[in-house]
Protein backbone atom coordinates (compact mmCIF):
# COMPACT_ATOMS: atom_id res chain seq x y z
CA UNK A 1 -8.67 5.85 12.19
CA UNK A 2 -4.98 5.64 11.41
CA UNK A 3 -3.46 2.45 10.00
CA UNK A 4 0.18 1.55 9.41
CA UNK A 5 1.35 3.22 6.19
CA UNK A 6 3.00 0.89 3.68
CA UNK A 7 4.26 1.58 0.16
CA UNK A 8 2.36 -0.06 -2.71
CA UNK A 9 2.64 0.26 -6.48
CA UNK A 10 -0.81 1.35 -7.68
CA UNK A 11 0.09 0.07 -11.16
CA UNK A 12 0.67 -3.44 -9.76
CA UNK A 13 -2.93 -4.60 -9.31
CA UNK A 14 -4.24 -8.09 -10.02
CA UNK A 15 -7.24 -8.87 -12.26
CA UNK A 16 -9.54 -8.27 -9.26
CA UNK A 17 -8.14 -4.76 -8.68
CA UNK A 18 -6.24 -5.72 -5.52
CA UNK A 19 -2.80 -4.21 -5.03
CA UNK A 20 -0.02 -6.79 -4.94
CA UNK A 21 2.14 -6.37 -1.85
CA UNK A 22 5.33 -7.80 -3.32
CA UNK A 23 7.42 -4.85 -4.51
CA UNK A 24 10.71 -3.80 -2.90
CA UNK A 25 9.28 -0.63 -1.30
CA UNK A 26 6.46 -2.64 0.29
CA UNK A 27 8.83 -5.26 1.68
CA UNK A 28 11.12 -2.55 3.07
CA UNK A 29 8.23 -0.75 4.81
CA UNK A 30 6.87 -4.01 6.26
CA UNK A 31 10.31 -4.85 7.62
CA UNK A 32 10.93 -1.34 9.00
CA UNK A 33 7.51 -1.33 10.72
CA UNK A 34 7.86 -4.96 11.92
CA UNK A 35 4.57 -5.94 10.24
CA UNK A 36 3.76 -9.55 9.47
CA UNK A 37 0.84 -9.63 7.03
CA UNK A 38 -2.36 -11.47 7.96
CA UNK A 39 -5.83 -11.76 6.43
CA UNK A 40 -8.12 -8.89 7.35
CA UNK A 41 -5.31 -6.58 8.47
CA UNK A 42 -6.04 -2.90 7.69
CA UNK A 43 -3.27 -0.79 6.11
CA UNK A 44 -2.92 2.56 4.44
CA UNK A 45 -1.20 2.04 1.11
CA UNK A 46 0.74 4.89 -0.48
CA UNK A 47 2.83 5.68 -3.53
CA UNK A 48 4.51 8.86 -4.70
CA UNK A 49 1.19 10.61 -5.38
CA UNK A 50 -1.64 8.40 -4.09
CA UNK A 51 -2.87 6.71 -0.95
CA UNK A 52 -5.79 4.49 0.01
CA UNK A 53 -6.94 2.42 2.95
CA UNK A 54 -7.03 -1.29 2.29
CA UNK A 55 -7.52 -4.72 3.80
CA UNK A 56 -4.90 -7.43 3.40
CA UNK A 57 -5.86 -10.74 1.78
CA UNK A 58 -3.85 -13.73 0.66
CA UNK A 59 -4.20 -14.51 -3.04
CA UNK A 60 -4.32 -18.29 -3.40
CA UNK A 61 -4.23 -17.87 -7.19
CA UNK A 62 -0.93 -15.96 -7.18
CA UNK A 63 0.46 -17.21 -3.85
CA UNK A 64 1.15 -13.72 -2.50
CA UNK A 65 -0.33 -11.02 -0.29
CA UNK A 66 -2.61 -8.38 -1.80
CA UNK A 67 -4.66 -5.47 -0.47
CA UNK A 68 -8.29 -4.87 -1.37
CA UNK A 69 -8.88 -1.13 -1.81
CA UNK A 70 -11.80 1.02 -2.87
CA UNK A 71 -10.52 2.58 -6.09
CA UNK A 72 -13.17 5.33 -5.76
CA UNK A 73 -11.67 6.34 -2.40
CA UNK A 74 -8.04 6.72 -3.57
CA UNK A 75 -6.65 10.04 -2.34
CA UNK A 76 -4.02 12.26 -3.90
CA UNK A 77 -1.09 13.04 -1.61
CA UNK A 78 -0.14 16.69 -1.50
CA UNK A 79 3.52 17.23 -2.23
CA UNK A 80 5.54 18.90 0.49
CA UNK A 81 7.79 21.56 -0.97
CA UNK A 82 11.24 21.65 0.59
CA UNK A 83 13.10 24.94 0.32
CA UNK A 84 16.87 24.89 0.30
CA UNK A 85 18.67 28.06 1.32
CA UNK A 86 21.76 29.00 -0.68
């Protein structure tokens, strides 16, 4: 199944291992895709080299949205080589 793809910083996890959804790239993707976060919402989270499917939750402790991911199911994204003719 394909979920909306939203940027997340995989180094910005809380003490429970959930990715915080508060960085600039995340906010830009949410705006561009017209997504309003809600509990239980599935997303595919990506960074420059990684991606993972996750479920959105609200963190009452930190007062922000996070995504619960399975760290054992994180996938590496293959880089697409772009050739420039000269």
